[in-house]
N, C-alpha and C. Protein backbone atom coordinates (compact mmCIF):
# COMPACT_ATOMS: atom_id res chain seq x y z
N UNK A 1 0.82 -1.20 0.00
CA UNK A 1 0.00 0.00 0.00
C UNK A 1 0.86 1.26 0.00
N UNK A 2 2.13 1.13 0.32
CA UNK A 2 2.97 2.32 0.34
C UNK A 2 2.95 3.01 -1.03
N UNK A 3 2.91 2.26 -2.08
CA UNK A 3 2.86 2.85 -3.41
C UNK A 3 1.61 3.70 -3.59
N UNK A 4 0.50 3.27 -3.04
CA UNK A 4 -0.73 4.06 -3.15
C UNK A 4 -0.66 5.31 -2.29
N UNK A 5 -0.03 5.22 -1.16
CA UNK A 5 0.13 6.41 -0.31
C UNK A 5 0.90 7.48 -1.08
N UNK A 6 2.01 7.10 -1.68
CA UNK A 6 2.79 8.04 -2.50
C UNK A 6 1.96 8.56 -3.66
N UNK A 7 1.19 7.68 -4.28
CA UNK A 7 0.35 8.07 -5.41
C UNK A 7 -0.67 9.12 -4.99
N UNK A 8 -1.28 8.91 -3.83
CA UNK A 8 -2.25 9.89 -3.30
C UNK A 8 -1.58 11.23 -3.04
N UNK A 9 -0.42 11.18 -2.42
CA UNK A 9 0.28 12.43 -2.11
C UNK A 9 0.66 13.17 -3.39
N UNK A 10 1.15 12.44 -4.37
CA UNK A 10 1.47 13.08 -5.64
C UNK A 10 0.21 13.62 -6.32
N UNK A 11 -0.88 12.88 -6.23
CA UNK A 11 -2.14 13.34 -6.84
C UNK A 11 -2.61 14.62 -6.17
N UNK A 12 -2.50 14.70 -4.85
CA UNK A 12 -2.89 15.93 -4.13
C UNK A 12 -2.05 17.10 -4.63
N UNK A 13 -0.76 16.89 -4.79
CA UNK A 13 0.11 17.97 -5.26
C UNK A 13 -0.23 18.38 -6.69
N UNK A 14 -0.47 17.40 -7.54
CA UNK A 14 -0.80 17.71 -8.93
C UNK A 14 -2.16 18.40 -9.03
N UNK A 15 -3.12 17.93 -8.24
CA UNK A 15 -4.44 18.57 -8.24
C UNK A 15 -4.38 19.99 -7.69
N UNK A 16 -3.57 20.20 -6.68
CA UNK A 16 -3.36 21.54 -6.15
C UNK A 16 -2.87 22.46 -7.26
N UNK A 17 -1.88 22.00 -8.01
CA UNK A 17 -1.35 22.78 -9.13
C UNK A 17 -2.44 23.05 -10.17
N UNK A 18 -3.20 22.02 -10.49
CA UNK A 18 -4.29 22.15 -11.47
C UNK A 18 -5.35 23.13 -10.99
N UNK A 19 -5.70 23.06 -9.71
CA UNK A 19 -6.71 23.97 -9.15
C UNK A 19 -6.25 25.42 -9.22
N UNK A 20 -4.97 25.66 -8.98
CA UNK A 20 -4.45 27.02 -8.97
C UNK A 20 -4.21 27.59 -10.36
N UNK A 21 -3.72 26.74 -11.26
CA UNK A 21 -3.33 27.25 -12.59
C UNK A 21 -4.40 27.07 -13.65
N UNK A 22 -5.31 26.12 -13.42
CA UNK A 22 -6.34 25.77 -14.40
C UNK A 22 -5.75 25.35 -15.74
N UNK A 23 -4.52 24.81 -15.68
CA UNK A 23 -3.89 24.26 -16.87
C UNK A 23 -4.62 23.02 -17.33
N UNK A 24 -4.37 22.62 -18.54
CA UNK A 24 -4.87 21.35 -19.06
C UNK A 24 -4.30 20.24 -18.18
N UNK A 25 -5.15 19.33 -17.75
CA UNK A 25 -4.72 18.28 -16.82
C UNK A 25 -3.62 17.41 -17.42
N UNK A 26 -3.63 17.20 -18.71
CA UNK A 26 -2.57 16.41 -19.35
C UNK A 26 -1.22 17.10 -19.22
N UNK A 27 -1.21 18.43 -19.32
CA UNK A 27 0.03 19.18 -19.14
C UNK A 27 0.53 19.08 -17.70
N UNK A 28 -0.39 19.20 -16.76
CA UNK A 28 -0.03 19.07 -15.35
C UNK A 28 0.56 17.68 -15.11
N UNK A 29 -0.10 16.67 -15.66
CA UNK A 29 0.36 15.29 -15.48
C UNK A 29 1.77 15.10 -16.02
N UNK A 30 2.01 15.53 -17.25
CA UNK A 30 3.33 15.36 -17.88
C UNK A 30 4.41 16.09 -17.09
N UNK A 31 4.14 17.35 -16.75
CA UNK A 31 5.12 18.12 -15.98
C UNK A 31 5.38 17.47 -14.63
N UNK A 32 4.33 16.99 -13.99
CA UNK A 32 4.48 16.41 -12.67
C UNK A 32 5.30 15.12 -12.73
N UNK A 33 4.99 14.26 -13.66
CA UNK A 33 5.73 13.00 -13.79
C UNK A 33 7.19 13.26 -14.14
N UNK A 34 7.43 14.24 -15.00
CA UNK A 34 8.81 14.55 -15.40
C UNK A 34 9.61 15.21 -14.27
N UNK A 35 8.94 15.95 -13.40
CA UNK A 35 9.64 16.72 -12.36
C UNK A 35 9.77 16.00 -11.02
N UNK A 36 9.15 14.82 -10.87
CA UNK A 36 9.16 14.12 -9.59
C UNK A 36 9.64 12.68 -9.77
N UNK A 37 10.33 12.20 -8.75
CA UNK A 37 10.77 10.81 -8.74
C UNK A 37 9.58 9.97 -8.30
N UNK A 38 8.95 9.31 -9.24
CA UNK A 38 7.75 8.53 -8.96
C UNK A 38 8.03 7.03 -8.90
N UNK A 39 9.30 6.70 -8.71
CA UNK A 39 9.69 5.29 -8.68
C UNK A 39 8.94 4.49 -7.62
N UNK A 40 8.70 5.10 -6.46
CA UNK A 40 8.03 4.40 -5.36
C UNK A 40 6.51 4.51 -5.43
N UNK A 41 6.00 5.21 -6.41
CA UNK A 41 4.55 5.43 -6.53
C UNK A 41 3.94 4.50 -7.57
N UNK A 42 2.66 4.26 -7.41
CA UNK A 42 1.88 3.53 -8.41
C UNK A 42 1.40 4.58 -9.41
N UNK A 43 2.13 4.75 -10.49
CA UNK A 43 1.86 5.82 -11.45
C UNK A 43 0.48 5.66 -12.08
N UNK A 44 0.07 4.44 -12.35
CA UNK A 44 -1.26 4.21 -12.93
C UNK A 44 -2.35 4.69 -11.98
N UNK A 45 -2.17 4.46 -10.68
CA UNK A 45 -3.16 4.92 -9.71
C UNK A 45 -3.15 6.45 -9.61
N UNK A 46 -1.98 7.04 -9.62
CA UNK A 46 -1.85 8.50 -9.67
C UNK A 46 -2.64 9.06 -10.85
N UNK A 47 -2.45 8.47 -12.02
CA UNK A 47 -3.14 8.92 -13.23
C UNK A 47 -4.65 8.71 -13.13
N UNK A 48 -5.06 7.59 -12.57
CA UNK A 48 -6.49 7.33 -12.39
C UNK A 48 -7.13 8.41 -11.52
N UNK A 49 -6.50 8.71 -10.41
CA UNK A 49 -7.02 9.75 -9.51
C UNK A 49 -7.09 11.08 -10.24
N UNK A 50 -5.98 11.47 -10.82
CA UNK A 50 -5.89 12.78 -11.46
C UNK A 50 -6.95 12.96 -12.55
N UNK A 51 -7.10 11.99 -13.41
CA UNK A 51 -8.04 12.13 -14.52
C UNK A 51 -9.50 12.02 -14.07
N UNK A 52 -9.78 11.14 -13.13
CA UNK A 52 -11.16 11.03 -12.65
C UNK A 52 -11.57 12.30 -11.93
N UNK A 53 -10.73 12.77 -11.03
CA UNK A 53 -11.08 13.96 -10.24
C UNK A 53 -11.27 15.17 -11.13
N UNK A 54 -10.40 15.37 -12.08
CA UNK A 54 -10.53 16.56 -12.94
C UNK A 54 -11.74 16.46 -13.86
N UNK A 55 -12.12 15.27 -14.22
CA UNK A 55 -13.29 15.08 -15.09
C UNK A 55 -14.59 15.17 -14.31
N UNK A 56 -14.59 14.72 -13.06
CA UNK A 56 -15.82 14.62 -12.25
C UNK A 56 -15.80 15.50 -11.00
N UNK A 57 -15.06 16.57 -11.07
CA UNK A 57 -14.88 17.45 -9.90
C UNK A 57 -16.22 17.88 -9.30
N UNK A 58 -17.15 18.33 -10.10
CA UNK A 58 -18.42 18.84 -9.56
C UNK A 58 -19.24 17.74 -8.89
N UNK A 59 -19.23 16.55 -9.44
CA UNK A 59 -19.96 15.44 -8.82
C UNK A 59 -19.34 15.07 -7.46
N UNK A 60 -18.01 15.13 -7.38
CA UNK A 60 -17.34 14.85 -6.11
C UNK A 60 -17.66 15.93 -5.08
N UNK A 61 -17.69 17.17 -5.52
CA UNK A 61 -18.04 18.28 -4.63
C UNK A 61 -19.47 18.11 -4.14
N UNK A 62 -20.36 17.67 -5.00
CA UNK A 62 -21.77 17.47 -4.61
C UNK A 62 -21.89 16.51 -3.42
N UNK A 63 -21.02 15.52 -3.35
CA UNK A 63 -21.07 14.55 -2.24
C UNK A 63 -20.74 15.19 -0.89
N UNK A 64 -19.94 16.24 -0.92
CA UNK A 64 -19.48 16.82 0.35
C UNK A 64 -20.08 18.18 0.66
N UNK A 65 -20.72 18.80 -0.31
CA UNK A 65 -21.19 20.18 -0.17
C UNK A 65 -22.10 20.40 1.04
N UNK A 66 -23.01 19.48 1.29
CA UNK A 66 -23.94 19.67 2.41
C UNK A 66 -23.25 19.57 3.76
N UNK A 67 -22.04 19.05 3.80
CA UNK A 67 -21.31 18.91 5.05
C UNK A 67 -20.33 20.06 5.31
N UNK A 68 -20.16 20.91 4.31
CA UNK A 68 -19.23 22.04 4.43
C UNK A 68 -19.95 23.23 5.06
N UNK A 69 -19.25 23.97 5.90
CA UNK A 69 -19.83 25.16 6.53
C UNK A 69 -19.66 26.39 5.64
N UNK A 70 -18.98 26.21 4.53
CA UNK A 70 -18.76 27.30 3.58
C UNK A 70 -18.71 26.72 2.17
N UNK A 71 -18.70 27.58 1.18
CA UNK A 71 -18.64 27.11 -0.20
C UNK A 71 -17.31 26.38 -0.44
N UNK A 72 -17.35 25.35 -1.25
CA UNK A 72 -16.14 24.58 -1.55
C UNK A 72 -15.05 25.49 -2.09
N UNK A 73 -15.41 26.46 -2.90
CA UNK A 73 -14.43 27.38 -3.49
C UNK A 73 -13.66 28.17 -2.44
N UNK A 74 -14.23 28.34 -1.27
CA UNK A 74 -13.54 29.10 -0.22
C UNK A 74 -12.69 28.21 0.70
N UNK A 75 -12.73 26.92 0.48
CA UNK A 75 -11.87 25.98 1.21
C UNK A 75 -10.45 26.14 0.64
N UNK A 76 -9.46 26.04 1.52
CA UNK A 76 -8.06 26.13 1.11
C UNK A 76 -7.80 25.15 -0.04
N UNK A 77 -7.09 25.57 -1.10
CA UNK A 77 -6.86 24.68 -2.25
C UNK A 77 -6.17 23.35 -1.89
N UNK A 78 -5.30 23.35 -0.90
CA UNK A 78 -4.66 22.10 -0.48
C UNK A 78 -5.73 21.16 0.06
N UNK A 79 -6.60 21.70 0.91
CA UNK A 79 -7.67 20.88 1.48
C UNK A 79 -8.69 20.47 0.42
N UNK A 80 -8.92 21.33 -0.56
CA UNK A 80 -9.79 20.94 -1.69
C UNK A 80 -9.22 19.70 -2.37
N UNK A 81 -7.93 19.73 -2.67
CA UNK A 81 -7.29 18.61 -3.37
C UNK A 81 -7.36 17.33 -2.54
N UNK A 82 -7.12 17.45 -1.24
CA UNK A 82 -7.16 16.28 -0.36
C UNK A 82 -8.57 15.70 -0.31
N UNK A 83 -9.56 16.57 -0.17
CA UNK A 83 -10.96 16.11 -0.13
C UNK A 83 -11.36 15.46 -1.45
N UNK A 84 -10.96 16.04 -2.56
CA UNK A 84 -11.32 15.47 -3.86
C UNK A 84 -10.74 14.06 -4.02
N UNK A 85 -9.50 13.87 -3.60
CA UNK A 85 -8.89 12.53 -3.69
C UNK A 85 -9.61 11.56 -2.76
N UNK A 86 -9.89 11.99 -1.54
CA UNK A 86 -10.56 11.12 -0.58
C UNK A 86 -11.96 10.74 -1.01
N UNK A 87 -12.72 11.70 -1.50
CA UNK A 87 -14.10 11.42 -1.94
C UNK A 87 -14.08 10.55 -3.19
N UNK A 88 -13.11 10.77 -4.06
CA UNK A 88 -12.95 9.88 -5.22
C UNK A 88 -12.84 8.43 -4.74
N UNK A 89 -11.98 8.19 -3.75
CA UNK A 89 -11.80 6.83 -3.26
C UNK A 89 -13.08 6.28 -2.63
N UNK A 90 -13.74 7.10 -1.84
CA UNK A 90 -14.99 6.62 -1.22
C UNK A 90 -16.04 6.27 -2.26
N UNK A 91 -16.10 7.04 -3.32
CA UNK A 91 -17.12 6.81 -4.35
C UNK A 91 -16.73 5.70 -5.33
N UNK A 92 -15.50 5.71 -5.76
CA UNK A 92 -15.11 4.87 -6.89
C UNK A 92 -14.32 3.61 -6.53
N UNK A 93 -13.62 3.62 -5.43
CA UNK A 93 -12.73 2.51 -5.11
C UNK A 93 -13.24 1.73 -3.91
N UNK A 94 -14.29 0.97 -4.15
CA UNK A 94 -14.91 0.19 -3.08
C UNK A 94 -13.99 -0.92 -2.57
N UNK A 95 -12.93 -1.20 -3.31
CA UNK A 95 -11.94 -2.18 -2.87
C UNK A 95 -11.06 -1.63 -1.75
N UNK A 96 -11.10 -0.34 -1.54
CA UNK A 96 -10.32 0.30 -0.47
C UNK A 96 -11.27 0.56 0.69
N UNK A 97 -11.03 -0.02 1.86
CA UNK A 97 -11.93 0.20 2.99
C UNK A 97 -12.07 1.70 3.30
N UNK A 98 -13.27 2.10 3.70
CA UNK A 98 -13.51 3.52 3.96
C UNK A 98 -12.56 4.06 5.03
N UNK A 99 -12.21 3.25 6.02
CA UNK A 99 -11.30 3.69 7.08
C UNK A 99 -9.92 4.04 6.50
N UNK A 100 -9.50 3.29 5.52
CA UNK A 100 -8.21 3.55 4.89
C UNK A 100 -8.26 4.88 4.14
N UNK A 101 -9.34 5.11 3.40
CA UNK A 101 -9.48 6.37 2.66
C UNK A 101 -9.50 7.56 3.60
N UNK A 102 -10.22 7.44 4.70
CA UNK A 102 -10.27 8.54 5.67
C UNK A 102 -8.89 8.75 6.28
N UNK A 103 -8.25 7.67 6.72
CA UNK A 103 -6.94 7.79 7.34
C UNK A 103 -5.91 8.39 6.38
N UNK A 104 -5.91 7.94 5.15
CA UNK A 104 -4.96 8.46 4.17
C UNK A 104 -5.19 9.95 3.93
N UNK A 105 -6.45 10.38 3.91
CA UNK A 105 -6.77 11.79 3.73
C UNK A 105 -6.28 12.61 4.92
N UNK A 106 -6.51 12.11 6.11
CA UNK A 106 -6.07 12.80 7.33
C UNK A 106 -4.54 12.90 7.35
N UNK A 107 -3.86 11.81 7.03
CA UNK A 107 -2.40 11.82 7.03
C UNK A 107 -1.86 12.79 5.97
N UNK A 108 -2.51 12.84 4.84
CA UNK A 108 -2.12 13.77 3.78
C UNK A 108 -2.29 15.21 4.26
N UNK A 109 -3.35 15.47 4.99
CA UNK A 109 -3.59 16.81 5.53
C UNK A 109 -2.53 17.17 6.56
N UNK A 110 -2.06 16.20 7.31
CA UNK A 110 -1.00 16.47 8.28
C UNK A 110 0.30 16.85 7.59
N UNK A 111 0.53 16.27 6.41
CA UNK A 111 1.75 16.55 5.65
C UNK A 111 1.65 17.88 4.91
N UNK A 112 0.53 18.11 4.23
CA UNK A 112 0.43 19.26 3.32
C UNK A 112 -0.47 20.39 3.81
N UNK A 113 -1.38 20.10 4.71
CA UNK A 113 -2.40 21.06 5.08
C UNK A 113 -2.00 22.03 6.18
N UNK A 114 -2.94 22.87 6.53
CA UNK A 114 -2.75 23.83 7.61
C UNK A 114 -2.65 23.09 8.95
N UNK A 115 -2.30 23.81 9.99
CA UNK A 115 -2.02 23.20 11.30
C UNK A 115 -3.12 22.26 11.79
N UNK A 116 -4.36 22.69 11.77
CA UNK A 116 -5.47 21.84 12.21
C UNK A 116 -6.33 21.35 11.04
N UNK A 117 -5.80 21.44 9.85
CA UNK A 117 -6.55 21.03 8.67
C UNK A 117 -6.97 19.57 8.70
N UNK A 118 -6.17 18.74 9.35
CA UNK A 118 -6.50 17.31 9.40
C UNK A 118 -7.81 17.06 10.15
N UNK A 119 -8.13 17.93 11.11
CA UNK A 119 -9.39 17.78 11.84
C UNK A 119 -10.57 18.08 10.93
N UNK A 120 -10.45 19.12 10.13
CA UNK A 120 -11.48 19.48 9.16
C UNK A 120 -11.67 18.35 8.15
N UNK A 121 -10.55 17.86 7.62
CA UNK A 121 -10.59 16.76 6.63
C UNK A 121 -11.26 15.54 7.24
N UNK A 122 -10.88 15.17 8.46
CA UNK A 122 -11.45 14.00 9.12
C UNK A 122 -12.97 14.15 9.26
N UNK A 123 -13.43 15.30 9.69
CA UNK A 123 -14.87 15.52 9.87
C UNK A 123 -15.65 15.38 8.58
N UNK A 124 -15.14 16.00 7.52
CA UNK A 124 -15.84 15.95 6.23
C UNK A 124 -15.79 14.53 5.66
N UNK A 125 -14.63 13.90 5.70
CA UNK A 125 -14.50 12.55 5.15
C UNK A 125 -15.38 11.56 5.90
N UNK A 126 -15.48 11.69 7.21
CA UNK A 126 -16.33 10.79 8.00
C UNK A 126 -17.79 10.94 7.58
N UNK A 127 -18.24 12.16 7.38
CA UNK A 127 -19.63 12.40 6.97
C UNK A 127 -19.89 11.90 5.55
N UNK A 128 -18.95 12.12 4.65
CA UNK A 128 -19.12 11.64 3.28
C UNK A 128 -19.11 10.11 3.26
N UNK A 129 -18.26 9.50 4.07
CA UNK A 129 -18.24 8.04 4.16
C UNK A 129 -19.59 7.52 4.66
N UNK A 130 -20.19 8.23 5.61
CA UNK A 130 -21.52 7.85 6.10
C UNK A 130 -22.56 7.89 5.01
N UNK A 131 -22.39 8.78 4.06
CA UNK A 131 -23.32 8.92 2.94
C UNK A 131 -23.04 7.87 1.85
N UNK A 132 -21.77 7.72 1.48
CA UNK A 132 -21.42 6.85 0.36
C UNK A 132 -21.15 5.39 0.75
N UNK A 133 -20.78 5.16 2.00
CA UNK A 133 -20.41 3.83 2.44
C UNK A 133 -21.18 3.41 3.68
N UNK A 134 -22.44 3.80 3.77
CA UNK A 134 -23.25 3.51 4.97
C UNK A 134 -23.28 2.02 5.28
N UNK A 135 -23.47 1.19 4.27
CA UNK A 135 -23.55 -0.26 4.52
C UNK A 135 -22.24 -0.78 5.10
N UNK A 136 -21.14 -0.33 4.55
CA UNK A 136 -19.82 -0.77 5.04
C UNK A 136 -19.59 -0.26 6.47
N UNK A 137 -19.97 0.98 6.73
CA UNK A 137 -19.77 1.56 8.06
C UNK A 137 -20.64 0.89 9.11
N UNK A 138 -21.84 0.46 8.72
CA UNK A 138 -22.78 -0.14 9.66
C UNK A 138 -22.63 -1.65 9.80
N UNK A 139 -21.80 -2.25 8.97
CA UNK A 139 -21.59 -3.70 9.03
C UNK A 139 -20.84 -4.05 10.32
N UNK A 140 -21.18 -5.18 10.91
CA UNK A 140 -20.46 -5.58 12.12
C UNK A 140 -18.98 -5.77 11.80
N UNK A 141 -18.15 -5.32 12.71
CA UNK A 141 -16.70 -5.46 12.52
C UNK A 141 -16.29 -6.89 12.81
N UNK A 142 -15.42 -7.40 11.98
CA UNK A 142 -14.91 -8.74 12.20
C UNK A 142 -13.86 -8.69 13.29
N UNK A 143 -13.98 -9.63 14.21
CA UNK A 143 -12.99 -9.72 15.28
C UNK A 143 -11.83 -10.56 14.79
N UNK A 144 -10.64 -10.09 15.17
CA UNK A 144 -9.44 -10.84 14.79
C UNK A 144 -9.32 -12.05 15.72
N UNK A 145 -8.93 -13.17 15.15
CA UNK A 145 -8.73 -14.38 15.94
C UNK A 145 -7.52 -14.20 16.82
N UNK A 146 -7.66 -14.58 18.05
CA UNK A 146 -6.54 -14.46 18.99
C UNK A 146 -5.66 -15.70 18.89
N UNK A 147 -4.37 -15.46 18.97
CA UNK A 147 -3.42 -16.57 18.96
C UNK A 147 -3.30 -17.10 20.38
N UNK A 148 -3.23 -18.41 20.48
CA UNK A 148 -3.08 -19.03 21.82
C UNK A 148 -1.71 -19.55 22.01
């Protein structure tokens, strides 16, 4: 999973650039891949995130808008990028447990976001997970077998 963590972090950075510059996403992608050592990242996953989010940005925002205390446009661009990646995973990547998506978003906010940004990210992601992954969240947790 380390490769996906790096991929998420790179996607947040590339999306941040895209949000600020409004460049063509293909240009952002090429420049980003050429300018960063992506050897430890899952480049295909990075590309999947980047292209899906830029194509479906408004639909992803719709999932979180009712949980925001302000307009999405007024959210810090770093936090916008983190939320877009996290909501993408909650909506599209059902193979990734919702707890992993939330945790990865929170950790990304700790690395790139404002001082308490991770708390904001956690709150929004938890609410969006409740909306998009209610069945998974409400399912009984499996207990790990104890070794004797």
